[in-house]
Amino acid sequence: MALTIGQVADAADVNIQTIRYYERRGLFPAYRRRI
């Protein structure tokens, strides 16, 4: 089951911009968007 970036942010108690920052810093793989 894939989580949305919003769900990840809520679960980690951070905002979406923080998740994007972590992606840019290479802390975890970039989020893959569904088409």
C-alpha atoms as a PDB file:
ATOM      1  CA  MET A   1       0.000   0.000   0.000  1.00  0.00           C
ATOM      2  CA  ALA A   2       1.439   3.344  -1.041  1.00  0.00           C
ATOM      3  CA  LEU A   3       1.058   6.406   1.146  1.00  0.00           C
ATOM      4  CA  THR A   4       0.553   9.912  -0.130  1.00  0.00           C
ATOM      5  CA  ILE A   5       3.057  12.558   0.825  1.00  0.00           C
ATOM      6  CA  GLY A   6       0.348  14.150   2.963  1.00  0.00           C
ATOM      7  CA  GLN A   7      -0.177  10.909   4.865  1.00  0.00           C
ATOM      8  CA  VAL A   8       3.555  10.576   5.481  1.00  0.00           C
ATOM      9  CA  ALA A   9       3.739  14.172   6.694  1.00  0.00           C
ATOM     10  CA  ASP A  10       0.782  13.643   9.042  1.00  0.00           C
ATOM     11  CA  ALA A  11       2.239  10.413  10.421  1.00  0.00           C
ATOM     12  CA  ALA A  12       5.602  12.100  11.048  1.00  0.00           C
ATOM     13  CA  ASP A  13       3.943  15.251  12.428  1.00  0.00           C
ATOM     14  CA  VAL A  14       5.743  17.488   9.915  1.00  0.00           C
ATOM     15  CA  ASN A  15       4.549  19.522   6.966  1.00  0.00           C
ATOM     16  CA  ILE A  16       4.826  18.510   3.322  1.00  0.00           C
ATOM     17  CA  GLN A  17       7.624  21.001   2.691  1.00  0.00           C
ATOM     18  CA  THR A  18       9.721  19.170   5.291  1.00  0.00           C
ATOM     19  CA  ILE A  19       9.226  15.886   3.438  1.00  0.00           C
ATOM     20  CA  ARG A  20      10.265  17.584   0.177  1.00  0.00           C
ATOM     21  CA  TYR A  21      13.366  18.957   1.920  1.00  0.00           C
ATOM     22  CA  TYR A  22      14.290  15.482   3.130  1.00  0.00           C
ATOM     23  CA  GLU A  23      13.902  14.191  -0.438  1.00  0.00           C
ATOM     24  CA  ARG A  24      16.231  16.887  -1.776  1.00  0.00           C
ATOM     25  CA  ARG A  25      18.822  16.093   0.898  1.00  0.00           C
ATOM     26  CA  GLY A  26      18.700  12.402  -0.044  1.00  0.00           C
ATOM     27  CA  LEU A  27      17.431  11.198   3.335  1.00  0.00           C
ATOM     28  CA  PHE A  28      14.993   8.903   1.577  1.00  0.00           C
ATOM     29  CA  PRO A  29      14.027   8.147  -2.031  1.00  0.00           C
ATOM     30  CA  ALA A  30      12.030  10.728  -3.931  1.00  0.00           C
ATOM     31  CA  TYR A  31       8.290  10.338  -3.862  1.00  0.00           C
ATOM     32  CA  ARG A  32       6.908   8.756  -7.027  1.00  0.00           C
ATOM     33  CA  ARG A  33       3.778  10.386  -8.327  1.00  0.00           C
ATOM     34  CA  ARG A  34       1.131   8.302 -10.001  1.00  0.00           C
ATOM     35  CA  ILE A  35       0.117   9.280 -13.496  1.00  0.00           C
END
